[in-house]
Amino acid sequence: SGSQALCGSAVSYDAAQPGDLVCYVGHVGIYIGGGQIVNASTARTGIKTQSATYRSILTVRRVL
């Protein structure tokens, strides 16, 4: 997650587009629009969609 938080270009959360990486401390989700991300939650809960602001966002990155 640390390397992903440095790749591509930083964009503001307000300018996030589907496909952008939403980076948190120790975790990364993929923005899918409408204020939602898809991410690998835990081994028990698997892949889920949830609010992108469920925790503090470190950075949003656009990788082209």
PDB file of N, CA and C in Angstrom:
ATOM      1  N   SER A   1       0.823  -1.197   0.000  1.00  0.00           N
ATOM      2  CA  SER A   1       0.000   0.000   0.000  1.00  0.00           C
ATOM      3  C   SER A   1       0.867   1.261   0.000  1.00  0.00           C
ATOM      4  N   GLY A   2       2.040   1.178   0.625  1.00  0.00           N
ATOM      5  CA  GLY A   2       2.924   2.340   0.654  1.00  0.00           C
ATOM      6  C   GLY A   2       3.378   2.758  -0.725  1.00  0.00           C
ATOM      7  N   SER A   3       3.755   1.808  -1.568  1.00  0.00           N
ATOM      8  CA  SER A   3       4.179   2.119  -2.931  1.00  0.00           C
ATOM      9  C   SER A   3       3.017   2.638  -3.768  1.00  0.00           C
ATOM     10  N   GLN A   4       1.840   2.077  -3.574  1.00  0.00           N
ATOM     11  CA  GLN A   4       0.676   2.521  -4.336  1.00  0.00           C
ATOM     12  C   GLN A   4       0.295   3.953  -3.965  1.00  0.00           C
ATOM     13  N   ALA A   5       0.531   4.350  -2.733  1.00  0.00           N
ATOM     14  CA  ALA A   5       0.211   5.706  -2.297  1.00  0.00           C
ATOM     15  C   ALA A   5       1.132   6.748  -2.921  1.00  0.00           C
ATOM     16  N   LEU A   6       2.189   6.297  -3.581  1.00  0.00           N
ATOM     17  CA  LEU A   6       3.142   7.215  -4.215  1.00  0.00           C
ATOM     18  C   LEU A   6       3.095   7.168  -5.741  1.00  0.00           C
ATOM     19  N   CYS A   7       2.363   6.214  -6.318  1.00  0.00           N
ATOM     20  CA  CYS A   7       2.377   6.059  -7.772  1.00  0.00           C
ATOM     21  C   CYS A   7       1.394   7.018  -8.436  1.00  0.00           C
ATOM     22  N   GLY A   8       1.544   7.190  -9.722  1.00  0.00           N
ATOM     23  CA  GLY A   8       0.629   8.022 -10.491  1.00  0.00           C
ATOM     24  C   GLY A   8       0.639   9.459 -10.028  1.00  0.00           C
ATOM     25  N   SER A   9      -0.509  10.107 -10.162  1.00  0.00           N
ATOM     26  CA  SER A   9      -0.663  11.520  -9.792  1.00  0.00           C
ATOM     27  C   SER A   9      -1.697  11.650  -8.693  1.00  0.00           C
ATOM     28  N   ALA A  10      -1.442  12.568  -7.775  1.00  0.00           N
ATOM     29  CA  ALA A  10      -2.413  12.839  -6.714  1.00  0.00           C
ATOM     30  C   ALA A  10      -3.586  13.623  -7.285  1.00  0.00           C
ATOM     31  N   VAL A  11      -4.792  13.273  -6.872  1.00  0.00           N
ATOM     32  CA  VAL A  11      -5.991  14.042  -7.200  1.00  0.00           C
ATOM     33  C   VAL A  11      -6.779  14.232  -5.912  1.00  0.00           C
ATOM     34  N   SER A  12      -7.597  15.246  -5.864  1.00  0.00           N
ATOM     35  CA  SER A  12      -8.406  15.467  -4.665  1.00  0.00           C
ATOM     36  C   SER A  12      -9.531  14.438  -4.619  1.00  0.00           C
ATOM     37  N   TYR A  13     -10.014  14.166  -3.432  1.00  0.00           N
ATOM     38  CA  TYR A  13     -11.131  13.228  -3.304  1.00  0.00           C
ATOM     39  C   TYR A  13     -12.334  13.728  -4.093  1.00  0.00           C
ATOM     40  N   ASP A  14     -12.557  15.041  -4.095  1.00  0.00           N
ATOM     41  CA  ASP A  14     -13.686  15.611  -4.837  1.00  0.00           C
ATOM     42  C   ASP A  14     -13.581  15.380  -6.338  1.00  0.00           C
ATOM     43  N   ALA A  15     -12.358  15.173  -6.847  1.00  0.00           N
ATOM     44  CA  ALA A  15     -12.140  14.942  -8.277  1.00  0.00           C
ATOM     45  C   ALA A  15     -11.952  13.463  -8.602  1.00  0.00           C
ATOM     46  N   ALA A  16     -12.134  12.581  -7.622  1.00  0.00           N
ATOM     47  CA  ALA A  16     -11.918  11.141  -7.836  1.00  0.00           C
ATOM     48  C   ALA A  16     -12.840  10.605  -8.921  1.00  0.00           C
ATOM     49  N   GLN A  17     -12.279   9.714  -9.742  1.00  0.00           N
ATOM     50  CA  GLN A  17     -13.025   9.060 -10.813  1.00  0.00           C
ATOM     51  C   GLN A  17     -12.916   7.547 -10.623  1.00  0.00           C
ATOM     52  N   PRO A  18     -13.902   6.802 -11.153  1.00  0.00           N
ATOM     53  CA  PRO A  18     -13.810   5.340 -11.062  1.00  0.00           C
ATOM     54  C   PRO A  18     -12.465   4.844 -11.581  1.00  0.00           C
ATOM     55  N   GLY A  19     -11.841   3.969 -10.816  1.00  0.00           N
ATOM     56  CA  GLY A  19     -10.531   3.427 -11.159  1.00  0.00           C
ATOM     57  C   GLY A  19      -9.395   4.049 -10.367  1.00  0.00           C
ATOM     58  N   ASP A  20      -9.627   5.216  -9.771  1.00  0.00           N
ATOM     59  CA  ASP A  20      -8.592   5.845  -8.947  1.00  0.00           C
ATOM     60  C   ASP A  20      -8.362   5.013  -7.693  1.00  0.00           C
ATOM     61  N   LEU A  21      -7.136   5.047  -7.185  1.00  0.00           N
ATOM     62  CA  LEU A  21      -6.793   4.355  -5.947  1.00  0.00           C
ATOM     63  C   LEU A  21      -7.050   5.285  -4.769  1.00  0.00           C
ATOM     64  N   VAL A  22      -7.777   4.787  -3.789  1.00  0.00           N
ATOM     65  CA  VAL A  22      -8.008   5.540  -2.561  1.00  0.00           C
ATOM     66  C   VAL A  22      -7.136   4.884  -1.497  1.00  0.00           C
ATOM     67  N   CYS A  23      -6.159   5.641  -1.001  1.00  0.00           N
ATOM     68  CA  CYS A  23      -5.147   5.080  -0.107  1.00  0.00           C
ATOM     69  C   CYS A  23      -5.387   5.521   1.330  1.00  0.00           C
ATOM     70  N   TYR A  24      -5.278   4.558   2.208  1.00  0.00           N
ATOM     71  CA  TYR A  24      -5.396   4.762   3.643  1.00  0.00           C
ATOM     72  C   TYR A  24      -4.088   4.263   4.263  1.00  0.00           C
ATOM     73  N   VAL A  25      -3.892   4.457   5.545  1.00  0.00           N
ATOM     74  CA  VAL A  25      -2.710   3.905   6.207  1.00  0.00           C
ATOM     75  C   VAL A  25      -2.818   2.382   6.157  1.00  0.00           C
ATOM     76  N   GLY A  26      -1.899   1.736   5.419  1.00  0.00           N
ATOM     77  CA  GLY A  26      -1.855   0.281   5.348  1.00  0.00           C
ATOM     78  C   GLY A  26      -2.933  -0.390   4.519  1.00  0.00           C
ATOM     79  N   HIS A  27      -3.668   0.359   3.684  1.00  0.00           N
ATOM     80  CA  HIS A  27      -4.761  -0.241   2.916  1.00  0.00           C
ATOM     81  C   HIS A  27      -5.038   0.595   1.668  1.00  0.00           C
ATOM     82  N   VAL A  28      -5.547  -0.044   0.620  1.00  0.00           N
ATOM     83  CA  VAL A  28      -5.904   0.640  -0.627  1.00  0.00           C
ATOM     84  C   VAL A  28      -7.229   0.090  -1.136  1.00  0.00           C
ATOM     85  N   GLY A  29      -8.091   0.971  -1.606  1.00  0.00           N
ATOM     86  CA  GLY A  29      -9.332   0.585  -2.259  1.00  0.00           C
ATOM     87  C   GLY A  29      -9.380   1.196  -3.647  1.00  0.00           C
ATOM     88  N   ILE A  30     -10.278   0.713  -4.479  1.00  0.00           N
ATOM     89  CA  ILE A  30     -10.455   1.248  -5.827  1.00  0.00           C
ATOM     90  C   ILE A  30     -11.776   2.005  -5.860  1.00  0.00           C
ATOM     91  N   TYR A  31     -11.695   3.275  -6.239  1.00  0.00           N
ATOM     92  CA  TYR A  31     -12.888   4.108  -6.288  1.00  0.00           C
ATOM     93  C   TYR A  31     -13.803   3.630  -7.419  1.00  0.00           C
ATOM     94  N   ILE A  32     -15.096   3.474  -7.123  1.00  0.00           N
ATOM     95  CA  ILE A  32     -16.040   3.011  -8.145  1.00  0.00           C
ATOM     96  C   ILE A  32     -17.120   4.054  -8.450  1.00  0.00           C
ATOM     97  N   GLY A  33     -16.995   5.233  -7.853  1.00  0.00           N
ATOM     98  CA  GLY A  33     -17.959   6.299  -8.077  1.00  0.00           C
ATOM     99  C   GLY A  33     -18.991   6.368  -6.967  1.00  0.00           C
ATOM    100  N   GLY A  34     -19.694   7.480  -6.916  1.00  0.00           N
ATOM    101  CA  GLY A  34     -20.757   7.655  -5.937  1.00  0.00           C
ATOM    102  C   GLY A  34     -20.287   7.605  -4.491  1.00  0.00           C
ATOM    103  N   GLY A  35     -19.019   7.940  -4.246  1.00  0.00           N
ATOM    104  CA  GLY A  35     -18.494   7.920  -2.894  1.00  0.00           C
ATOM    105  C   GLY A  35     -18.186   6.529  -2.362  1.00  0.00           C
ATOM    106  N   GLN A  36     -18.091   5.542  -3.262  1.00  0.00           N
ATOM    107  CA  GLN A  36     -17.878   4.145  -2.868  1.00  0.00           C
ATOM    108  C   GLN A  36     -16.546   3.604  -3.387  1.00  0.00           C
ATOM    109  N   ILE A  37     -15.997   2.642  -2.641  1.00  0.00           N
ATOM    110  CA  ILE A  37     -14.812   1.902  -3.074  1.00  0.00           C
ATOM    111  C   ILE A  37     -15.128   0.416  -3.059  1.00  0.00           C
ATOM    112  N   VAL A  38     -14.317  -0.333  -3.778  1.00  0.00           N
ATOM    113  CA  VAL A  38     -14.311  -1.796  -3.671  1.00  0.00           C
ATOM    114  C   VAL A  38     -12.938  -2.141  -3.106  1.00  0.00           C
ATOM    115  N   ASN A  39     -12.925  -3.070  -2.149  1.00  0.00           N
ATOM    116  CA  ASN A  39     -11.650  -3.418  -1.523  1.00  0.00           C
ATOM    117  C   ASN A  39     -11.700  -4.804  -0.927  1.00  0.00           C
ATOM    118  N   ALA A  40     -10.505  -5.368  -0.721  1.00  0.00           N
ATOM    119  CA  ALA A  40     -10.374  -6.654  -0.046  1.00  0.00           C
ATOM    120  C   ALA A  40     -10.391  -6.355   1.443  1.00  0.00           C
ATOM    121  N   SER A  41     -11.499  -6.616   2.077  1.00  0.00           N
ATOM    122  CA  SER A  41     -11.694  -6.238   3.468  1.00  0.00           C
ATOM    123  C   SER A  41     -10.874  -7.118   4.417  1.00  0.00           C
ATOM    124  N   THR A  42     -11.351  -8.323   4.675  1.00  0.00           N
ATOM    125  CA  THR A  42     -10.633  -9.287   5.523  1.00  0.00           C
ATOM    126  C   THR A  42     -10.813 -10.669   4.919  1.00  0.00           C
ATOM    127  N   ALA A  43     -10.070 -11.639   5.413  1.00  0.00           N
ATOM    128  CA  ALA A  43     -10.218 -13.013   4.919  1.00  0.00           C
ATOM    129  C   ALA A  43     -11.640 -13.519   5.181  1.00  0.00           C
ATOM    130  N   ARG A  44     -12.236 -13.079   6.274  1.00  0.00           N
ATOM    131  CA  ARG A  44     -13.586 -13.533   6.627  1.00  0.00           C
ATOM    132  C   ARG A  44     -14.659 -12.865   5.771  1.00  0.00           C
ATOM    133  N   THR A  45     -14.536 -11.551   5.541  1.00  0.00           N
ATOM    134  CA  THR A  45     -15.595 -10.840   4.815  1.00  0.00           C
ATOM    135  C   THR A  45     -15.322 -10.715   3.320  1.00  0.00           C
ATOM    136  N   GLY A  46     -14.078 -10.934   2.888  1.00  0.00           N
ATOM    137  CA  GLY A  46     -13.754 -10.935   1.460  1.00  0.00           C
ATOM    138  C   GLY A  46     -13.835  -9.563   0.806  1.00  0.00           C
ATOM    139  N   ILE A  47     -14.189  -9.564  -0.471  1.00  0.00           N
ATOM    140  CA  ILE A  47     -14.278  -8.341  -1.261  1.00  0.00           C
ATOM    141  C   ILE A  47     -15.603  -7.656  -0.953  1.00  0.00           C
ATOM    142  N   LYS A  48     -15.542  -6.346  -0.657  1.00  0.00           N
ATOM    143  CA  LYS A  48     -16.774  -5.612  -0.396  1.00  0.00           C
ATOM    144  C   LYS A  48     -16.725  -4.212  -0.992  1.00  0.00           C
ATOM    145  N   THR A  49     -17.890  -3.644  -1.129  1.00  0.00           N
ATOM    146  CA  THR A  49     -17.995  -2.230  -1.471  1.00  0.00           C
ATOM    147  C   THR A  49     -18.418  -1.498  -0.209  1.00  0.00           C
ATOM    148  N   GLN A  50     -17.905  -0.284  -0.062  1.00  0.00           N
ATOM    149  CA  GLN A  50     -18.268   0.515   1.104  1.00  0.00           C
ATOM    150  C   GLN A  50     -17.922   1.964   0.840  1.00  0.00           C
ATOM    151  N   SER A  51     -18.325   2.826   1.741  1.00  0.00           N
ATOM    152  CA  SER A  51     -18.050   4.247   1.616  1.00  0.00           C
ATOM    153  C   SER A  51     -16.544   4.488   1.571  1.00  0.00           C
ATOM    154  N   ALA A  52     -16.119   5.357   0.677  1.00  0.00           N
ATOM    155  CA  ALA A  52     -14.694   5.688   0.572  1.00  0.00           C
ATOM    156  C   ALA A  52     -14.205   6.414   1.809  1.00  0.00           C
ATOM    157  N   THR A  53     -15.099   7.029   2.541  1.00  0.00           N
ATOM    158  CA  THR A  53     -14.712   7.791   3.727  1.00  0.00           C
ATOM    159  C   THR A  53     -14.922   7.002   5.012  1.00  0.00           C
ATOM    160  N   TYR A  54     -14.929   5.668   4.919  1.00  0.00           N
ATOM    161  CA  TYR A  54     -15.127   4.851   6.117  1.00  0.00           C
ATOM    162  C   TYR A  54     -13.977   5.013   7.100  1.00  0.00           C
ATOM    163  N   ARG A  55     -12.840   5.492   6.626  1.00  0.00           N
ATOM    164  CA  ARG A  55     -11.712   5.882   7.468  1.00  0.00           C
ATOM    165  C   ARG A  55     -10.978   7.030   6.800  1.00  0.00           C
ATOM    166  N   SER A  56     -10.016   7.623   7.466  1.00  0.00           N
ATOM    167  CA  SER A  56      -9.320   8.794   6.939  1.00  0.00           C
ATOM    168  C   SER A  56      -8.525   8.455   5.682  1.00  0.00           C
ATOM    169  N   ILE A  57      -8.765   9.209   4.627  1.00  0.00           N
ATOM    170  CA  ILE A  57      -8.070   9.015   3.355  1.00  0.00           C
ATOM    171  C   ILE A  57      -6.709   9.700   3.417  1.00  0.00           C
ATOM    172  N   LEU A  58      -5.670   8.953   3.068  1.00  0.00           N
ATOM    173  CA  LEU A  58      -4.321   9.507   3.009  1.00  0.00           C
ATOM    174  C   LEU A  58      -4.127  10.284   1.706  1.00  0.00           C
ATOM    175  N   THR A  59      -4.481   9.635   0.591  1.00  0.00           N
ATOM    176  CA  THR A  59      -4.333  10.250  -0.727  1.00  0.00           C
ATOM    177  C   THR A  59      -5.198   9.497  -1.732  1.00  0.00           C
ATOM    178  N   VAL A  60      -5.550  10.163  -2.801  1.00  0.00           N
ATOM    179  CA  VAL A  60      -6.214   9.532  -3.942  1.00  0.00           C
ATOM    180  C   VAL A  60      -5.230   9.648  -5.105  1.00  0.00           C
ATOM    181  N   ARG A  61      -4.998   8.517  -5.780  1.00  0.00           N
ATOM    182  CA  ARG A  61      -3.987   8.480  -6.840  1.00  0.00           C
ATOM    183  C   ARG A  61      -4.628   8.043  -8.160  1.00  0.00           C
ATOM    184  N   ARG A  62      -4.248   8.720  -9.230  1.00  0.00           N
ATOM    185  CA  ARG A  62      -4.695   8.345 -10.567  1.00  0.00           C
ATOM    186  C   ARG A  62      -3.496   7.782 -11.315  1.00  0.00           C
ATOM    187  N   VAL A  63      -3.612   6.530 -11.732  1.00  0.00           N
ATOM    188  CA  VAL A  63      -2.534   5.855 -12.448  1.00  0.00           C
ATOM    189  C   VAL A  63      -3.004   5.632 -13.874  1.00  0.00           C
ATOM    190  N   LEU A  64      -2.279   6.211 -14.824  1.00  0.00           N
ATOM    191  CA  LEU A  64      -2.677   6.081 -16.235  1.00  0.00           C
ATOM    192  C   LEU A  64      -1.857   5.074 -16.953  1.00  0.00           C
TER     193      LEU A  64
END
